[in-house]
Amino acid sequence: MAAIKIKTPEAEAKKIGRFVTFERMIAVEHLTKDFSLSSVQQKELGTRARSVKAVDDVSFTCRPGRVFSLLGPNGAGKTTTLRMISTILRPSTGRITVGGHDVVAEGRQVRSQIGFLTGSTGLYQRLTPDEVVQY
């Protein structure tokens, strides 16, 4: 299990009276991630392919005030997608914005807006990510 927490962004904000609303907190458009295979990995897998596609054309929008789940079987690319959103990995193709900031071009601003905690941090292994944040 992984969690991403986002601070309220300035970008993409609309003022309605004295209230500020946000159209999109996270926007993922046609996201892909390819990982290169070494010759040893190619031999072990019995393939001539030079890369493996971990994420293939993923698009979604997370809106403020809504719950969003990223579900799929093991190896479906959920953690890879979260790592790209949090700027840990760079997408092969596609675009991600967090609070209106592009994760590739404006990584520093994105990192100032989010917190990322995986379920297997090695830190306090008996605690859930939520319990670690509360601690």
Protein backbone atom coordinates (compact mmCIF):
# COMPACT_ATOMS: atom_id res chain seq x y z
CA MET A 1 0.00 0.00 0.00
CA ALA A 2 1.25 3.47 -0.86
CA ALA A 3 -0.12 6.89 -0.05
CA ILE A 4 0.32 10.32 -1.59
CA LYS A 5 -0.74 13.40 0.32
CA ILE A 6 -1.08 16.71 -1.53
CA LYS A 7 -0.98 20.22 -0.13
CA THR A 8 -3.55 22.64 -1.50
CA PRO A 9 -2.08 24.01 -4.74
CA GLU A 10 -2.15 27.58 -5.96
CA ALA A 11 -2.26 26.55 -9.62
CA GLU A 12 -5.52 25.67 -11.37
CA ALA A 13 -7.44 27.51 -8.67
CA LYS A 14 -10.69 29.30 -9.39
CA LYS A 15 -12.11 31.87 -7.02
CA ILE A 16 -15.84 31.66 -6.56
CA GLY A 17 -16.88 34.42 -4.21
CA ARG A 18 -14.56 33.99 -1.25
CA PHE A 19 -14.04 30.27 -1.88
CA VAL A 20 -11.21 28.77 -3.91
CA THR A 21 -11.85 25.57 -5.86
CA PHE A 22 -9.45 23.35 -7.77
CA GLU A 23 -10.39 21.56 -10.97
CA ARG A 24 -7.66 18.92 -10.83
CA MET A 25 -5.25 17.92 -8.10
CA ILE A 26 -3.49 15.25 -10.20
CA ALA A 27 -3.81 14.77 -13.95
CA VAL A 28 -2.16 11.81 -15.67
CA GLU A 29 -2.30 11.76 -19.48
CA HIS A 30 -1.17 8.83 -21.68
CA LEU A 31 1.51 7.77 -19.21
CA THR A 32 4.00 5.03 -20.09
CA LYS A 33 7.15 3.73 -18.41
CA ASP A 34 9.65 1.40 -20.06
CA PHE A 35 12.54 -0.23 -18.21
CA SER A 36 15.61 -1.43 -20.13
CA LEU A 37 16.60 -5.07 -19.80
CA SER A 38 20.23 -6.10 -19.47
CA SER A 39 21.52 -8.98 -21.58
CA VAL A 40 21.49 -11.15 -18.44
CA GLN A 41 17.82 -10.29 -17.81
CA GLN A 42 16.99 -10.99 -21.46
CA LYS A 43 18.64 -14.40 -21.18
CA GLU A 44 16.88 -15.20 -17.88
CA LEU A 45 13.50 -14.24 -19.34
CA GLY A 46 14.18 -15.98 -22.64
CA THR A 47 13.41 -12.88 -24.68
CA ARG A 48 15.14 -10.64 -27.19
CA ALA A 49 13.15 -7.63 -26.05
CA ARG A 50 15.39 -4.79 -24.91
CA SER A 51 12.82 -3.30 -22.55
CA VAL A 52 9.72 -4.12 -20.55
CA LYS A 53 6.69 -1.83 -20.38
CA ALA A 54 5.72 -1.36 -16.71
CA VAL A 55 3.00 1.25 -17.40
CA ASP A 56 1.14 1.41 -20.72
CA ASP A 57 -1.01 4.42 -21.72
CA VAL A 58 -2.52 5.25 -18.32
CA SER A 59 -4.75 8.34 -17.99
CA PHE A 60 -6.80 9.58 -15.02
CA THR A 61 -7.69 12.69 -13.05
CA CYS A 62 -7.90 13.06 -9.27
CA ARG A 63 -10.27 15.82 -8.25
CA PRO A 64 -10.25 17.58 -4.88
CA GLY A 65 -12.63 16.30 -2.26
CA ARG A 66 -12.96 12.91 -3.95
CA VAL A 67 -11.50 9.52 -3.08
CA PHE A 68 -9.44 7.90 -5.83
CA SER A 69 -8.12 4.33 -5.82
CA LEU A 70 -5.51 2.83 -8.08
CA LEU A 71 -6.27 -0.89 -8.14
CA GLY A 72 -4.74 -3.80 -10.02
CA PRO A 73 -2.94 -7.11 -9.67
CA ASN A 74 0.73 -7.47 -8.71
CA GLY A 75 2.95 -6.12 -11.46
CA ALA A 76 0.24 -3.94 -13.02
CA GLY A 77 2.26 -0.72 -12.59
CA LYS A 78 0.51 0.89 -9.60
CA THR A 79 3.66 1.64 -7.61
CA THR A 80 5.55 2.68 -10.74
CA THR A 81 2.74 5.15 -11.52
CA LEU A 82 2.88 6.57 -7.97
CA ARG A 83 6.66 6.89 -8.21
CA MET A 84 6.28 8.88 -11.42
CA ILE A 85 3.64 11.14 -9.83
CA SER A 86 5.98 11.80 -6.91
CA THR A 87 8.96 12.51 -9.25
CA ILE A 88 10.99 9.48 -8.09
CA LEU A 89 10.84 8.06 -11.63
CA ARG A 90 10.67 9.96 -14.91
CA PRO A 91 7.90 8.91 -17.33
CA SER A 92 8.96 7.46 -20.69
CA THR A 93 6.05 9.24 -22.37
CA GLY A 94 2.93 11.11 -21.29
CA ARG A 95 2.34 13.99 -18.93
CA ILE A 96 1.60 14.30 -15.21
CA THR A 97 0.62 17.47 -13.39
CA VAL A 98 0.21 17.88 -9.65
CA GLY A 99 -1.55 21.06 -8.60
CA GLY A 100 -0.93 22.42 -12.08
CA HIS A 101 2.83 21.71 -11.97
CA ASP A 102 4.42 19.37 -14.50
CA VAL A 103 6.33 16.58 -12.70
CA VAL A 104 9.22 16.65 -15.20
CA ALA A 105 9.62 20.40 -15.76
CA GLU A 106 8.65 21.52 -12.24
CA GLY A 107 9.74 18.63 -10.03
CA ARG A 108 10.77 20.86 -7.12
CA GLN A 109 7.33 22.50 -6.98
CA VAL A 110 5.63 19.09 -7.20
CA ARG A 111 7.74 17.71 -4.35
CA SER A 112 6.84 20.74 -2.23
CA GLN A 113 3.14 19.91 -2.77
CA ILE A 114 3.13 16.17 -2.01
CA GLY A 115 4.30 13.55 0.42
CA PHE A 116 4.89 9.96 -0.71
CA LEU A 117 5.07 6.95 1.59
CA THR A 118 5.16 3.36 0.38
CA GLY A 119 3.86 0.43 2.38
CA SER A 120 7.34 -1.10 2.59
CA THR A 121 9.57 1.67 3.88
CA GLY A 122 11.64 -0.51 6.18
CA LEU A 123 10.94 2.09 8.85
CA TYR A 124 8.60 0.94 11.61
CA GLN A 125 7.56 -2.15 9.68
CA ARG A 126 4.67 -2.88 12.03
CA LEU A 127 2.97 0.45 11.28
CA THR A 128 0.80 1.28 8.29
CA PRO A 129 1.73 4.36 6.22
CA ASP A 130 -1.10 6.27 7.92
CA GLU A 131 0.20 5.28 11.38
CA VAL A 132 3.74 6.41 10.43
CA VAL A 133 2.41 9.80 9.29
CA GLN A 134 0.38 10.19 12.51
CA TYR A 135 3.41 9.21 14.61
